[in-house]
């Protein structure tokens, strides 16, 4: 399939993480475009629009705050053949989960990212999410990381009304038992989107297999295609 696939990482993360998690959802033949997701969500939406301006977008896919940006871009008229919205964190105005992101930013400013990561590893040894955080955070100095997390915490997600205006097939992927990306948020997004399929991936599944999220999304899009 010709065209481009836009992949958008989350706050404090990096393009390589988005590619590891969502790469299996990319249609064969599509050229992958990694979108810089640093800054406020409005900055990311603008970058999506720039990348899509002169291309056929076969897939727009985002993780966490990247999913927020993809959804907002699509709600404002951005066109893609299909969407993957993985691990959305909140709907509408930033709330308690955003507060946790802001608290992490404050910890990074106060103690440094190495100390924060050490605490996370001690609390959740072997957790693949912490491993991916470490990879992503290595791309930032502490000031830049804190600024990225602060910008994310101040960014709204799409409202349910905005999601209701997105008329393309969308796979919404939740990660079970993740307090920073509640499955209830993913379920609400899927219910609001006119053509969506919700799939829930076990918390530990991406540990040995980072592509589990992307394959679940691809399967969900396949179910949507078969039902139309």
Protein backbone atom coordinates (compact mmCIF):
# COMPACT_ATOMS: atom_id res chain seq x y z
CA UNK A 1 0.00 0.00 0.00
CA UNK A 2 1.37 3.42 -0.94
CA UNK A 3 1.10 6.48 1.27
CA UNK A 4 2.48 7.39 4.66
CA UNK A 5 1.91 6.17 8.19
CA UNK A 6 2.26 8.81 10.90
CA UNK A 7 3.55 7.47 14.23
CA UNK A 8 3.38 9.71 17.30
CA UNK A 9 5.11 8.92 20.58
CA UNK A 10 3.99 9.91 24.07
CA UNK A 11 5.26 12.57 26.47
CA UNK A 12 8.85 12.02 27.54
CA UNK A 13 9.10 9.16 25.06
CA UNK A 14 10.76 8.93 21.65
CA UNK A 15 9.98 7.88 18.07
CA UNK A 16 11.75 4.53 18.49
CA UNK A 17 9.33 3.53 21.23
CA UNK A 18 6.33 4.39 19.06
CA UNK A 19 7.83 2.32 16.25
CA UNK A 20 8.44 -0.67 18.53
CA UNK A 21 4.93 -0.59 19.97
CA UNK A 22 2.89 0.35 16.90
CA UNK A 23 5.03 -0.77 13.98
CA UNK A 24 3.05 -3.99 13.37
CA UNK A 25 -0.07 -1.89 12.69
CA UNK A 26 1.56 -0.11 9.73
CA UNK A 27 0.16 -1.33 6.39
CA UNK A 28 2.62 -3.04 4.08
CA UNK A 29 4.27 -0.59 1.71
CA UNK A 30 3.49 2.54 3.72
CA UNK A 31 6.36 4.91 4.44
CA UNK A 32 6.68 5.56 8.16
CA UNK A 33 6.91 9.18 9.28
CA UNK A 34 7.91 9.67 12.91
CA UNK A 35 6.27 12.80 14.32
CA UNK A 36 8.05 14.87 16.98
CA UNK A 37 5.64 14.87 19.93
CA UNK A 38 7.50 17.19 22.27
CA UNK A 39 5.62 20.23 23.55
CA UNK A 40 1.95 21.07 24.03
CA UNK A 41 -0.54 18.89 22.20
CA UNK A 42 -1.44 21.80 19.91
CA UNK A 43 2.17 21.86 18.69
CA UNK A 44 1.96 18.17 17.89
CA UNK A 45 -1.35 18.58 16.06
CA UNK A 46 0.28 21.29 13.92
CA UNK A 47 3.17 18.95 13.06
CA UNK A 48 0.72 16.22 12.07
CA UNK A 49 -1.04 18.67 9.77
CA UNK A 50 2.27 19.68 8.19
CA UNK A 51 3.27 16.07 7.50
CA UNK A 52 -0.15 15.23 6.08
CA UNK A 53 -0.55 18.34 3.93
CA UNK A 54 0.79 16.82 0.71
CA UNK A 55 0.50 13.09 1.32
CA UNK A 56 -2.00 10.27 1.44
CA UNK A 57 -2.10 9.19 5.08
CA UNK A 58 -2.98 5.50 5.26
CA UNK A 59 -2.56 5.35 9.04
CA UNK A 60 -2.20 7.85 11.85
CA UNK A 61 -1.22 6.15 15.10
CA UNK A 62 -0.27 7.47 18.50
CA UNK A 63 0.60 6.24 21.98
CA UNK A 64 -0.65 8.03 25.11
CA UNK A 65 -0.37 11.78 24.50
CA UNK A 66 0.42 10.89 20.88
CA UNK A 67 -3.03 9.30 20.68
CA UNK A 68 -4.52 12.54 21.98
CA UNK A 69 -2.78 14.50 19.22
CA UNK A 70 -3.91 12.06 16.51
CA UNK A 71 -7.51 12.20 17.73
CA UNK A 72 -7.54 16.00 17.87
CA UNK A 73 -5.97 16.23 14.41
CA UNK A 74 -8.61 13.88 12.98
CA UNK A 75 -11.43 15.70 14.77
CA UNK A 76 -10.33 18.93 13.07
CA UNK A 77 -10.46 17.51 9.59
CA UNK A 78 -7.19 15.61 9.32
CA UNK A 79 -7.69 12.76 6.89
CA UNK A 80 -6.33 9.24 7.27
CA UNK A 81 -7.62 5.91 6.05
CA UNK A 82 -7.54 4.60 9.62
CA UNK A 83 -6.38 5.50 13.11
CA UNK A 84 -4.72 3.69 15.99
CA UNK A 85 -5.27 5.33 19.37
CA UNK A 86 -3.22 3.42 21.92
CA UNK A 87 -3.30 3.96 25.68
CA UNK A 88 -5.17 7.29 25.83
CA UNK A 89 -4.72 8.96 29.20
CA UNK A 90 -7.69 11.32 29.59
CA UNK A 91 -10.65 12.90 27.86
CA UNK A 92 -11.17 16.66 27.63
CA UNK A 93 -9.54 18.92 30.24
CA UNK A 94 -6.44 17.56 31.93
CA UNK A 95 -7.41 15.87 35.20
CA UNK A 96 -5.96 13.58 37.89
CA UNK A 97 -3.82 11.51 35.53
CA UNK A 98 -2.33 14.72 34.14
CA UNK A 99 -1.59 15.65 37.74
CA UNK A 100 0.53 12.50 38.06
CA UNK A 101 2.44 13.55 34.96
CA UNK A 102 3.01 17.00 36.43
CA UNK A 103 4.20 15.41 39.68
CA UNK A 104 6.74 13.34 37.75
CA UNK A 105 7.99 16.51 36.07
CA UNK A 106 8.43 18.12 39.48
CA UNK A 107 10.35 15.06 40.70
CA UNK A 108 12.66 15.21 37.69
CA UNK A 109 13.37 18.88 38.39
CA UNK A 110 14.00 18.22 42.07
CA UNK A 111 15.93 14.92 41.98
CA UNK A 112 16.98 14.31 38.39
CA UNK A 113 15.75 11.68 35.97
CA UNK A 114 18.31 9.05 37.04
CA UNK A 115 17.05 9.11 40.63
CA UNK A 116 13.42 9.02 39.53
CA UNK A 117 14.09 6.04 37.26
CA UNK A 118 15.95 4.25 40.04
CA UNK A 119 12.89 4.61 42.24
CA UNK A 120 10.61 3.31 39.51
CA UNK A 121 12.86 0.31 38.90
CA UNK A 122 12.92 -0.48 42.60
CA UNK A 123 9.12 -0.37 42.74
CA UNK A 124 8.54 -2.32 39.52
CA UNK A 125 11.56 -4.45 38.72
CA UNK A 126 11.46 -5.87 35.22
CA UNK A 127 8.48 -3.77 34.10
CA UNK A 128 8.68 -3.18 30.36
CA UNK A 129 6.99 0.22 30.76
CA UNK A 130 9.84 1.40 32.99
CA UNK A 131 12.35 0.02 30.48
CA UNK A 132 10.71 2.05 27.72
CA UNK A 133 10.64 5.13 29.94
CA UNK A 134 14.37 4.75 30.47
CA UNK A 135 14.97 4.55 26.72
CA UNK A 136 12.80 7.58 26.06
CA UNK A 137 14.13 9.69 28.89
CA UNK A 138 17.69 9.09 27.67
CA UNK A 139 16.82 11.28 24.67
CA UNK A 140 16.34 14.34 26.91
CA UNK A 141 18.35 16.28 29.43
CA UNK A 142 16.54 16.79 32.73
CA UNK A 143 15.29 20.29 31.92
CA UNK A 144 13.94 19.22 28.53
CA UNK A 145 12.31 16.12 30.01
CA UNK A 146 10.60 18.09 32.76
CA UNK A 147 9.41 20.66 30.23
CA UNK A 148 7.99 17.91 27.98
CA UNK A 149 6.11 16.34 30.88
CA UNK A 150 4.81 19.73 32.04
CA UNK A 151 3.55 20.55 28.55
CA UNK A 152 1.78 17.20 28.35
CA UNK A 153 0.19 17.69 31.76
CA UNK A 154 -1.21 21.03 30.61
CA UNK A 155 -2.64 19.63 27.37
CA UNK A 156 -6.31 18.70 26.97
CA UNK A 157 -7.40 15.48 25.38
CA UNK A 158 -10.18 15.29 22.83
CA UNK A 159 -13.70 15.67 24.15
CA UNK A 160 -16.29 12.98 23.57
CA UNK A 161 -18.07 15.33 21.17
CA UNK A 162 -14.86 15.79 19.18
CA UNK A 163 -14.36 12.04 19.03
CA UNK A 164 -17.92 11.67 17.79
CA UNK A 165 -17.01 13.66 14.69
CA UNK A 166 -14.19 11.34 13.61
CA UNK A 167 -15.69 9.21 10.85
CA UNK A 168 -12.83 6.87 9.93
CA UNK A 169 -12.08 3.39 11.30
CA UNK A 170 -10.22 3.62 14.59
CA UNK A 171 -8.61 0.92 16.71
CA UNK A 172 -8.54 1.96 20.36
CA UNK A 173 -6.04 -0.06 22.37
CA UNK A 174 -6.04 -0.17 26.16
CA UNK A 175 -3.35 -1.59 28.40
CA UNK A 176 -4.90 -3.46 31.32
CA UNK A 177 -4.04 -2.38 34.86
CA UNK A 178 -2.26 0.83 33.90
CA UNK A 179 -3.27 3.72 36.19
CA UNK A 180 -1.64 6.31 33.92
CA UNK A 181 -3.65 5.11 30.92
CA UNK A 182 -6.95 3.91 32.40
CA UNK A 183 -8.82 1.29 30.40
CA UNK A 184 -12.02 3.21 31.18
CA UNK A 185 -10.70 6.13 29.14
CA UNK A 186 -10.04 3.88 26.16
CA UNK A 187 -13.52 2.38 26.49
CA UNK A 188 -15.11 5.84 26.55
CA UNK A 189 -13.17 6.86 23.45
CA UNK A 190 -14.23 3.72 21.60
CA UNK A 191 -17.86 4.27 22.55
CA UNK A 192 -17.75 7.87 21.31
CA UNK A 193 -16.05 7.17 17.99
CA UNK A 194 -18.55 6.20 15.26
CA UNK A 195 -16.38 3.46 13.72
CA UNK A 196 -14.17 2.08 16.47
CA UNK A 197 -13.08 -1.25 17.87
CA UNK A 198 -11.73 -1.51 21.41
CA UNK A 199 -9.10 -4.06 22.30
CA UNK A 200 -7.46 -4.57 25.69
CA UNK A 201 -3.92 -5.93 25.90
CA UNK A 202 -2.67 -7.58 29.09
CA UNK A 203 -0.25 -5.38 31.02
CA UNK A 204 2.61 -7.83 30.69
CA UNK A 205 2.11 -8.81 27.05
CA UNK A 206 4.45 -6.21 25.52
CA UNK A 207 7.23 -7.26 27.92
CA UNK A 208 8.56 -10.12 25.78
CA UNK A 209 6.80 -8.82 22.66
CA UNK A 210 6.80 -5.05 22.18
CA UNK A 211 4.70 -5.40 19.03
CA UNK A 212 1.70 -6.80 20.94
CA UNK A 213 -0.07 -3.43 20.94
CA UNK A 214 0.44 -2.91 17.22
CA UNK A 215 -0.75 -6.40 16.33
CA UNK A 216 -3.83 -5.98 18.50
CA UNK A 217 -4.56 -2.71 16.71
CA UNK A 218 -4.09 -4.29 13.28
CA UNK A 219 -6.49 -7.10 14.23
CA UNK A 220 -9.05 -4.57 15.46
CA UNK A 221 -8.84 -2.64 12.20
CA UNK A 222 -9.29 -5.91 10.33
CA UNK A 223 -12.49 -6.61 12.26
CA UNK A 224 -13.78 -3.15 11.42
CA UNK A 225 -13.01 -3.63 7.74
CA UNK A 226 -14.78 -6.99 7.67
CA UNK A 227 -17.90 -5.54 9.26
CA UNK A 228 -18.38 -2.66 6.81
